[in-house]
PDB file of N, CA and C in Angstrom:
ATOM      1  N   MET A   1     199.553  83.735  46.343  1.00  0.00           N
ATOM      2  CA  MET A   1     200.865  83.200  45.928  1.00  0.00           C
ATOM      3  C   MET A   1     201.778  84.185  46.918  1.00  0.00           C
ATOM      4  N   LEU A   2     202.453  84.179  47.875  1.00  0.00           N
ATOM      5  CA  LEU A   2     203.392  85.564  48.391  1.00  0.00           C
ATOM      6  C   LEU A   2     204.805  85.128  47.911  1.00  0.00           C
ATOM      7  N   ASP A   3     205.576  86.127  48.031  1.00  0.00           N
ATOM      8  CA  ASP A   3     207.252  86.019  47.667  1.00  0.00           C
ATOM      9  C   ASP A   3     207.554  85.986  48.985  1.00  0.00           C
ATOM     10  N   ASP A   4     208.875  84.857  48.848  1.00  0.00           N
ATOM     11  CA  ASP A   4     209.097  84.188  49.720  1.00  0.00           C
ATOM     12  C   ASP A   4     209.919  85.184  50.997  1.00  0.00           C
ATOM     13  N   GLN A   5     210.012  86.233  50.624  1.00  0.00           N
ATOM     14  CA  GLN A   5     211.458  87.219  50.822  1.00  0.00           C
ATOM     15  C   GLN A   5     210.453  88.475  51.852  1.00  0.00           C
ATOM     16  N   THR A   6     209.760  88.787  51.298  1.00  0.00           N
ATOM     17  CA  THR A   6     209.154  90.192  51.523  1.00  0.00           C
ATOM     18  C   THR A   6     207.922  89.885  51.745  1.00  0.00           C
ATOM     19  N   PHE A   7     206.954  88.687  51.360  1.00  0.00           N
ATOM     20  CA  PHE A   7     205.602  88.247  51.955  1.00  0.00           C
ATOM     21  C   PHE A   7     204.608  88.945  51.137  1.00  0.00           C
ATOM     22  N   GLU A   8     205.056  89.744  50.460  1.00  0.00           N
ATOM     23  CA  GLU A   8     204.149  90.493  49.378  1.00  0.00           C
ATOM     24  C   GLU A   8     203.429  89.646  48.515  1.00  0.00           C
ATOM     25  N   ARG A   9     202.244  89.928  48.341  1.00  0.00           N
ATOM     26  CA  ARG A   9     201.164  88.894  47.572  1.00  0.00           C
ATOM     27  C   ARG A   9     201.525  88.933  45.893  1.00  0.00           C
ATOM     28  N   CYS A  10     202.282  88.016  45.342  1.00  0.00           N
ATOM     29  CA  CYS A  10     202.439  88.251  44.035  1.00  0.00           C
ATOM     30  C   CYS A  10     201.214  87.763  42.643  1.00  0.00           C
ATOM     31  N   ALA A  11     200.695  86.557  43.299  1.00  0.00           N
ATOM     32  CA  ALA A  11     199.422  85.822  42.547  1.00  0.00           C
ATOM     33  C   ALA A  11     198.007  85.750  43.380  1.00  0.00           C
ATOM     34  N   SER A  12     197.151  86.015  43.142  1.00  0.00           N
ATOM     35  CA  SER A  12     196.049  85.091  43.756  1.00  0.00           C
ATOM     36  C   SER A  12     195.159  84.772  42.681  1.00  0.00           C
ATOM     37  N   TYR A  13     193.890  83.979  43.213  1.00  0.00           N
ATOM     38  CA  TYR A  13     192.771  83.625  42.218  1.00  0.00           C
ATOM     39  C   TYR A  13     191.813  83.561  43.147  1.00  0.00           C
ATOM     40  N   GLU A  14     190.709  84.034  42.702  1.00  0.00           N
ATOM     41  CA  GLU A  14     189.433  84.387  43.231  1.00  0.00           C
ATOM     42  C   GLU A  14     188.439  83.326  43.334  1.00  0.00           C
ATOM     43  N   LEU A  15     187.828  82.347  44.173  1.00  0.00           N
ATOM     44  CA  LEU A  15     187.075  81.472  44.002  1.00  0.00           C
ATOM     45  C   LEU A  15     185.562  81.832  43.983  1.00  0.00           C
ATOM     46  N   ARG A  16     184.744  81.381  43.258  1.00  0.00           N
ATOM     47  CA  ARG A  16     183.091  81.671  43.312  1.00  0.00           C
ATOM     48  C   ARG A  16     182.821  81.805  44.838  1.00  0.00           C
ATOM     49  N   GLU A  17     181.424  82.398  44.581  1.00  0.00           N
ATOM     50  CA  GLU A  17     180.992  82.304  45.750  1.00  0.00           C
ATOM     51  C   GLU A  17     180.473  81.490  46.594  1.00  0.00           C
ATOM     52  N   ASN A  18     180.999  81.711  48.175  1.00  0.00           N
ATOM     53  CA  ASN A  18     180.519  80.383  48.857  1.00  0.00           C
ATOM     54  C   ASN A  18     181.472  79.132  48.766  1.00  0.00           C
ATOM     55  N   GLU A  19     182.470  79.586  48.091  1.00  0.00           N
ATOM     56  CA  GLU A  19     183.609  78.143  47.543  1.00  0.00           C
ATOM     57  C   GLU A  19     184.868  78.438  48.307  1.00  0.00           C
ATOM     58  N   THR A  20     185.441  77.340  48.843  1.00  0.00           N
ATOM     59  CA  THR A  20     186.473  77.587  49.893  1.00  0.00           C
ATOM     60  C   THR A  20     187.348  76.637  49.112  1.00  0.00           C
ATOM     61  N   ALA A  21     188.910  76.828  49.474  1.00  0.00           N
ATOM     62  CA  ALA A  21     190.255  75.769  49.339  1.00  0.00           C
ATOM     63  C   ALA A  21     189.823  74.967  50.330  1.00  0.00           C
ATOM     64  N   SER A  22     189.815  73.516  49.983  1.00  0.00           N
ATOM     65  CA  SER A  22     189.894  72.307  50.966  1.00  0.00           C
ATOM     66  C   SER A  22     191.133  71.772  51.335  1.00  0.00           C
ATOM     67  N   ALA A  23     191.469  71.541  49.968  1.00  0.00           N
ATOM     68  CA  ALA A  23     192.911  70.678  49.961  1.00  0.00           C
ATOM     69  C   ALA A  23     194.089  71.364  48.675  1.00  0.00           C
ATOM     70  N   LEU A  24     194.831  70.923  49.083  1.00  0.00           N
ATOM     71  CA  LEU A  24     196.348  71.634  48.414  1.00  0.00           C
ATOM     72  C   LEU A  24     197.484  70.710  47.767  1.00  0.00           C
ATOM     73  N   LEU A  25     197.782  70.927  46.804  1.00  0.00           N
ATOM     74  CA  LEU A  25     198.565  69.388  46.325  1.00  0.00           C
ATOM     75  C   LEU A  25     199.892  70.278  45.330  1.00  0.00           C
ATOM     76  N   PRO A  26     201.045  70.444  45.680  1.00  0.00           N
ATOM     77  CA  PRO A  26     202.014  70.920  44.864  1.00  0.00           C
ATOM     78  C   PRO A  26     202.188  69.817  44.062  1.00  0.00           C
ATOM     79  N   ILE A  27     202.747  69.431  42.765  1.00  0.00           N
ATOM     80  CA  ILE A  27     202.829  68.381  42.017  1.00  0.00           C
ATOM     81  C   ILE A  27     203.803  68.500  40.725  1.00  0.00           C
ATOM     82  N   ALA A  28     204.300  67.733  40.343  1.00  0.00           N
ATOM     83  CA  ALA A  28     204.871  67.404  39.238  1.00  0.00           C
ATOM     84  C   ALA A  28     204.037  66.476  38.183  1.00  0.00           C
ATOM     85  N   LEU A  29     203.615  66.760  37.307  1.00  0.00           N
ATOM     86  CA  LEU A  29     202.679  66.359  36.701  1.00  0.00           C
ATOM     87  C   LEU A  29     203.182  65.339  35.197  1.00  0.00           C
ATOM     88  N   ALA A  30     202.834  64.432  34.869  1.00  0.00           N
ATOM     89  CA  ALA A  30     203.515  63.153  34.125  1.00  0.00           C
ATOM     90  C   ALA A  30     203.381  64.142  32.553  1.00  0.00           C
ATOM     91  N   GLY A  31     203.963  64.185  32.173  1.00  0.00           N
ATOM     92  CA  GLY A  31     204.037  64.623  30.611  1.00  0.00           C
ATOM     93  C   GLY A  31     204.367  66.075  30.481  1.00  0.00           C
ATOM     94  N   GLU A  32     204.498  66.568  31.866  1.00  0.00           N
ATOM     95  CA  GLU A  32     205.276  67.985  31.600  1.00  0.00           C
ATOM     96  C   GLU A  32     206.434  68.285  31.815  1.00  0.00           C
ATOM     97  N   PRO A  33     206.884  68.884  31.363  1.00  0.00           N
ATOM     98  CA  PRO A  33     208.716  69.484  31.791  1.00  0.00           C
ATOM     99  C   PRO A  33     208.779  69.602  33.434  1.00  0.00           C
ATOM    100  N   ALA A  34     210.514  69.012  33.523  1.00  0.00           N
ATOM    101  CA  ALA A  34     210.432  68.522  35.145  1.00  0.00           C
ATOM    102  C   ALA A  34     210.411  69.842  35.636  1.00  0.00           C
ATOM    103  N   SER A  35     210.676  70.996  34.637  1.00  0.00           N
ATOM    104  CA  SER A  35     211.048  72.211  35.814  1.00  0.00           C
ATOM    105  C   SER A  35     209.658  73.256  35.905  1.00  0.00           C
ATOM    106  N   ALA A  36     208.851  72.560  35.116  1.00  0.00           N
ATOM    107  CA  ALA A  36     207.132  72.819  35.282  1.00  0.00           C
ATOM    108  C   ALA A  36     206.606  72.623  36.705  1.00  0.00           C
ATOM    109  N   THR A  37     206.214  73.504  37.424  1.00  0.00           N
ATOM    110  CA  THR A  37     205.692  73.604  38.741  1.00  0.00           C
ATOM    111  C   THR A  37     204.032  73.494  38.621  1.00  0.00           C
ATOM    112  N   HIS A  38     203.329  72.662  39.181  1.00  0.00           N
ATOM    113  CA  HIS A  38     201.633  72.941  39.336  1.00  0.00           C
ATOM    114  C   HIS A  38     200.935  72.682  40.814  1.00  0.00           C
ATOM    115  N   ILE A  39     199.885  73.269  40.949  1.00  0.00           N
ATOM    116  CA  ILE A  39     199.595  73.079  42.298  1.00  0.00           C
ATOM    117  C   ILE A  39     197.976  72.962  42.035  1.00  0.00           C
ATOM    118  N   VAL A  40     197.680  71.560  42.996  1.00  0.00           N
ATOM    119  CA  VAL A  40     196.204  71.144  42.451  1.00  0.00           C
ATOM    120  C   VAL A  40     195.132  71.941  44.048  1.00  0.00           C
ATOM    121  N   VAL A  41     194.512  72.223  43.466  1.00  0.00           N
ATOM    122  CA  VAL A  41     193.297  72.815  44.725  1.00  0.00           C
ATOM    123  C   VAL A  41     191.935  72.275  44.425  1.00  0.00           C
ATOM    124  N   GLY A  42     191.971  71.327  45.732  1.00  0.00           N
ATOM    125  CA  GLY A  42     190.496  70.872  45.640  1.00  0.00           C
ATOM    126  C   GLY A  42     189.400  71.814  46.477  1.00  0.00           C
ATOM    127  N   THR A  43     188.153  72.066  45.991  1.00  0.00           N
ATOM    128  CA  THR A  43     187.542  73.318  46.528  1.00  0.00           C
ATOM    129  C   THR A  43     185.923  72.579  47.016  1.00  0.00           C
ATOM    130  N   ALA A  44     185.468  73.177  47.943  1.00  0.00           N
ATOM    131  CA  ALA A  44     183.681  72.895  48.385  1.00  0.00           C
ATOM    132  C   ALA A  44     183.191  73.927  48.251  1.00  0.00           C
ATOM    133  N   VAL A  45     181.699  73.884  48.225  1.00  0.00           N
ATOM    134  CA  VAL A  45     180.818  75.070  47.903  1.00  0.00           C
ATOM    135  C   VAL A  45     179.872  74.871  49.134  1.00  0.00           C
ATOM    136  N   CYS A  46     180.141  75.763  49.742  1.00  0.00           N
ATOM    137  CA  CYS A  46     179.203  75.621  51.263  1.00  0.00           C
ATOM    138  C   CYS A  46     178.366  76.395  51.529  1.00  0.00           C
ATOM    139  N   HIS A  47     177.135  75.679  51.544  1.00  0.00           N
ATOM    140  CA  HIS A  47     175.639  76.819  51.686  1.00  0.00           C
ATOM    141  C   HIS A  47     174.907  76.322  53.254  1.00  0.00           C
ATOM    142  N   ALA A  48     174.961  77.206  53.945  1.00  0.00           N
ATOM    143  CA  ALA A  48     174.581  77.355  55.448  1.00  0.00           C
ATOM    144  C   ALA A  48     172.973  76.565  55.141  1.00  0.00           C
ATOM    145  N   ASP A  49     172.106  75.881  54.184  1.00  0.00           N
ATOM    146  CA  ASP A  49     171.366  74.758  54.565  1.00  0.00           C
ATOM    147  C   ASP A  49     171.793  73.066  54.367  1.00  0.00           C
ATOM    148  N   GLU A  50     173.079  73.109  54.440  1.00  0.00           N
ATOM    149  CA  GLU A  50     173.466  71.331  53.664  1.00  0.00           C
ATOM    150  C   GLU A  50     174.667  71.575  54.735  1.00  0.00           C
ATOM    151  N   PRO A  51     174.468  70.155  55.149  1.00  0.00           N
ATOM    152  CA  PRO A  51     175.095  69.755  56.742  1.00  0.00           C
ATOM    153  C   PRO A  51     176.564  69.528  55.621  1.00  0.00           C
ATOM    154  N   GLU A  52     176.702  69.028  54.394  1.00  0.00           N
ATOM    155  CA  GLU A  52     177.908  68.794  53.932  1.00  0.00           C
ATOM    156  C   GLU A  52     178.037  69.268  52.665  1.00  0.00           C
ATOM    157  N   PRO A  53     179.010  70.019  52.116  1.00  0.00           N
ATOM    158  CA  PRO A  53     178.876  70.474  50.952  1.00  0.00           C
ATOM    159  C   PRO A  53     178.386  69.410  49.673  1.00  0.00           C
ATOM    160  N   GLN A  54     177.697  69.741  48.826  1.00  0.00           N
ATOM    161  CA  GLN A  54     177.079  69.004  47.660  1.00  0.00           C
ATOM    162  C   GLN A  54     177.941  69.019  45.939  1.00  0.00           C
ATOM    163  N   GLU A  55     178.435  70.007  46.778  1.00  0.00           N
ATOM    164  CA  GLU A  55     179.560  70.556  44.733  1.00  0.00           C
ATOM    165  C   GLU A  55     180.858  70.975  45.520  1.00  0.00           C
ATOM    166  N   GLY A  56     181.924  70.633  44.299  1.00  0.00           N
ATOM    167  CA  GLY A  56     182.857  71.290  44.540  1.00  0.00           C
ATOM    168  C   GLY A  56     183.861  71.371  43.065  1.00  0.00           C
ATOM    169  N   ARG A  57     185.211  71.524  43.397  1.00  0.00           N
ATOM    170  CA  ARG A  57     185.869  71.848  41.719  1.00  0.00           C
ATOM    171  C   ARG A  57     187.066  71.380  42.087  1.00  0.00           C
ATOM    172  N   ILE A  58     188.088  70.744  41.084  1.00  0.00           N
ATOM    173  CA  ILE A  58     189.519  70.359  41.257  1.00  0.00           C
ATOM    174  C   ILE A  58     190.049  71.318  40.303  1.00  0.00           C
ATOM    175  N   LEU A  59     190.850  72.393  40.743  1.00  0.00           N
ATOM    176  CA  LEU A  59     191.736  73.275  39.966  1.00  0.00           C
ATOM    177  C   LEU A  59     193.440  73.122  39.746  1.00  0.00           C
ATOM    178  N   VAL A  60     193.457  73.309  38.257  1.00  0.00           N
ATOM    179  CA  VAL A  60     195.101  72.561  38.268  1.00  0.00           C
ATOM    180  C   VAL A  60     195.737  73.746  37.791  1.00  0.00           C
ATOM    181  N   PHE A  61     196.414  74.703  38.721  1.00  0.00           N
ATOM    182  CA  PHE A  61     197.262  75.652  38.408  1.00  0.00           C
ATOM    183  C   PHE A  61     198.656  75.476  37.964  1.00  0.00           C
ATOM    184  N   GLU A  62     199.043  76.191  37.116  1.00  0.00           N
ATOM    185  CA  GLU A  62     200.456  76.000  36.950  1.00  0.00           C
ATOM    186  C   GLU A  62     201.181  77.175  37.133  1.00  0.00           C
ATOM    187  N   VAL A  63     202.113  77.377  38.063  1.00  0.00           N
ATOM    188  CA  VAL A  63     202.884  78.406  38.457  1.00  0.00           C
ATOM    189  C   VAL A  63     204.242  78.975  37.678  1.00  0.00           C
ATOM    190  N   THR A  64     204.112  80.146  37.537  1.00  0.00           N
ATOM    191  CA  THR A  64     205.575  80.655  36.983  1.00  0.00           C
ATOM    192  C   THR A  64     206.403  81.294  37.840  1.00  0.00           C
ATOM    193  N   GLU A  65     206.828  81.993  37.415  1.00  0.00           N
ATOM    194  CA  GLU A  65     207.741  83.117  38.271  1.00  0.00           C
ATOM    195  C   GLU A  65     206.707  83.934  38.504  1.00  0.00           C
ATOM    196  N   ARG A  66     206.369  84.193  39.787  1.00  0.00           N
ATOM    197  CA  ARG A  66     205.420  85.128  40.520  1.00  0.00           C
ATOM    198  C   ARG A  66     203.850  85.163  39.574  1.00  0.00           C
ATOM    199  N   THR A  67     203.525  84.246  39.429  1.00  0.00           N
ATOM    200  CA  THR A  67     201.982  84.071  38.498  1.00  0.00           C
ATOM    201  C   THR A  67     201.338  82.362  38.685  1.00  0.00           C
ATOM    202  N   LEU A  68     200.187  82.867  38.705  1.00  0.00           N
ATOM    203  CA  LEU A  68     199.071  81.487  38.701  1.00  0.00           C
ATOM    204  C   LEU A  68     198.297  81.577  37.278  1.00  0.00           C
ATOM    205  N   GLU A  69     198.647  80.275  36.843  1.00  0.00           N
ATOM    206  CA  GLU A  69     197.640  80.140  35.580  1.00  0.00           C
ATOM    207  C   GLU A  69     196.807  78.756  35.831  1.00  0.00           C
ATOM    208  N   LEU A  70     195.494  79.387  35.643  1.00  0.00           N
ATOM    209  CA  LEU A  70     194.648  78.010  35.622  1.00  0.00           C
ATOM    210  C   LEU A  70     194.621  77.470  34.588  1.00  0.00           C
ATOM    211  N   ARG A  71     194.986  75.888  34.477  1.00  0.00           N
ATOM    212  CA  ARG A  71     195.418  74.939  33.261  1.00  0.00           C
ATOM    213  C   ARG A  71     194.090  73.993  33.025  1.00  0.00           C
ATOM    214  N   ALA A  72     193.464  73.765  33.768  1.00  0.00           N
ATOM    215  CA  ALA A  72     192.434  73.165  33.918  1.00  0.00           C
ATOM    216  C   ALA A  72     191.404  73.019  35.455  1.00  0.00           C
ATOM    217  N   GLU A  73     190.106  72.688  34.701  1.00  0.00           N
ATOM    218  CA  GLU A  73     188.905  72.654  35.993  1.00  0.00           C
ATOM    219  C   GLU A  73     188.354  71.304  36.000  1.00  0.00           C
ATOM    220  N   HIS A  74     187.683  70.797  37.168  1.00  0.00           N
ATOM    221  CA  HIS A  74     186.792  69.499  36.928  1.00  0.00           C
ATOM    222  C   HIS A  74     185.846  69.791  38.149  1.00  0.00           C
ATOM    223  N   ALA A  75     184.383  70.041  37.815  1.00  0.00           N
ATOM    224  CA  ALA A  75     183.774  70.060  38.805  1.00  0.00           C
ATOM    225  C   ALA A  75     183.410  68.501  39.543  1.00  0.00           C
ATOM    226  N   VAL A  76     182.992  68.535  40.742  1.00  0.00           N
ATOM    227  CA  VAL A  76     182.850  67.134  41.296  1.00  0.00           C
ATOM    228  C   VAL A  76     181.428  67.237  42.394  1.00  0.00           C
ATOM    229  N   LYS A  77     181.095  66.547  42.734  1.00  0.00           N
ATOM    230  CA  LYS A  77     179.999  66.023  43.291  1.00  0.00           C
ATOM    231  C   LYS A  77     180.302  65.911  44.882  1.00  0.00           C
ATOM    232  N   GLY A  78     180.194  66.959  45.699  1.00  0.00           N
ATOM    233  CA  GLY A  78     180.649  67.009  47.181  1.00  0.00           C
ATOM    234  C   GLY A  78     182.062  67.485  47.310  1.00  0.00           C
ATOM    235  N   ALA A  79     182.760  67.669  48.494  1.00  0.00           N
ATOM    236  CA  ALA A  79     184.157  68.833  48.728  1.00  0.00           C
ATOM    237  C   ALA A  79     185.212  67.691  48.332  1.00  0.00           C
ATOM    238  N   VAL A  80     185.999  68.147  47.847  1.00  0.00           N
ATOM    239  CA  VAL A  80     187.611  67.489  47.692  1.00  0.00           C
ATOM    240  C   VAL A  80     188.382  67.679  48.625  1.00  0.00           C
ATOM    241  N   TYR A  81     188.293  66.818  49.698  1.00  0.00           N
ATOM    242  CA  TYR A  81     188.959  66.793  50.995  1.00  0.00           C
ATOM    243  C   TYR A  81     190.362  65.959  51.310  1.00  0.00           C
ATOM    244  N   ALA A  82     190.668  65.097  50.098  1.00  0.00           N
ATOM    245  CA  ALA A  82     191.645  64.977  50.258  1.00  0.00           C
ATOM    246  C   ALA A  82     192.432  64.325  48.860  1.00  0.00           C
ATOM    247  N   ARG A  83     193.719  64.824  48.406  1.00  0.00           N
ATOM    248  CA  ARG A  83     194.477  64.550  46.887  1.00  0.00           C
ATOM    249  C   ARG A  83     195.976  63.854  47.345  1.00  0.00           C
ATOM    250  N   GLU A  84     196.200  63.116  46.970  1.00  0.00           N
ATOM    251  CA  GLU A  84     197.294  62.844  46.694  1.00  0.00           C
ATOM    252  C   GLU A  84     198.263  62.252  45.259  1.00  0.00           C
ATOM    253  N   GLY A  85     199.445  62.666  44.995  1.00  0.00           N
ATOM    254  CA  GLY A  85     200.272  62.336  43.882  1.00  0.00           C
ATOM    255  C   GLY A  85     200.581  61.183  43.612  1.00  0.00           C
ATOM    256  N   MET A  86     200.253  60.507  42.336  1.00  0.00           N
ATOM    257  CA  MET A  86     200.562  59.205  42.123  1.00  0.00           C
ATOM    258  C   MET A  86     201.097  59.265  40.647  1.00  0.00           C
ATOM    259  N   GLY A  87     202.653  58.954  40.647  1.00  0.00           N
ATOM    260  CA  GLY A  87     203.236  58.835  39.354  1.00  0.00           C
ATOM    261  C   GLY A  87     202.845  59.965  37.997  1.00  0.00           C
ATOM    262  N   GLY A  88     202.868  61.227  38.797  1.00  0.00           N
ATOM    263  CA  GLY A  88     202.649  62.115  38.150  1.00  0.00           C
ATOM    264  C   GLY A  88     201.427  62.627  37.821  1.00  0.00           C
ATOM    265  N   ARG A  89     200.164  62.110  38.497  1.00  0.00           N
ATOM    266  CA  ARG A  89     199.002  62.115  38.087  1.00  0.00           C
ATOM    267  C   ARG A  89     198.420  62.157  39.939  1.00  0.00           C
ATOM    268  N   VAL A  90     197.198  63.124  39.800  1.00  0.00           N
ATOM    269  CA  VAL A  90     196.342  63.341  41.069  1.00  0.00           C
ATOM    270  C   VAL A  90     195.356  62.343  41.594  1.00  0.00           C
ATOM    271  N   LEU A  91     195.284  61.824  42.541  1.00  0.00           N
ATOM    272  CA  LEU A  91     194.159  61.151  43.358  1.00  0.00           C
ATOM    273  C   LEU A  91     193.494  61.993  44.003  1.00  0.00           C
ATOM    274  N   ALA A  92     192.085  62.410  43.979  1.00  0.00           N
ATOM    275  CA  ALA A  92     191.347  62.738  44.834  1.00  0.00           C
ATOM    276  C   ALA A  92     190.175  62.316  45.454  1.00  0.00           C
ATOM    277  N   GLY A  93     189.998  62.949  46.524  1.00  0.00           N
ATOM    278  CA  GLY A  93     188.564  62.076  46.968  1.00  0.00           C
ATOM    279  C   GLY A  93     187.856  63.180  48.045  1.00  0.00           C
TER     280      GLY A  93
END
């Protein structure tokens, strides 16, 4: 995460080895205060011997002033390429 004025790095999250972010979604989640900001990140774990990733994760971060806090993660089979918010919930594929 970068400062919008100076482009200085404010926060970051290190993914696992061979893991890359493949989808990002800022969202207001159901059941959370309206002021809460979340970012959902879909990932893929890429290996040279696989034509298509066989595993990935869905990560949910809460964004507070200049920080990221991992709130939830869910392992999935395959890469997460698509994500959409629906009624304060996340749909990922």
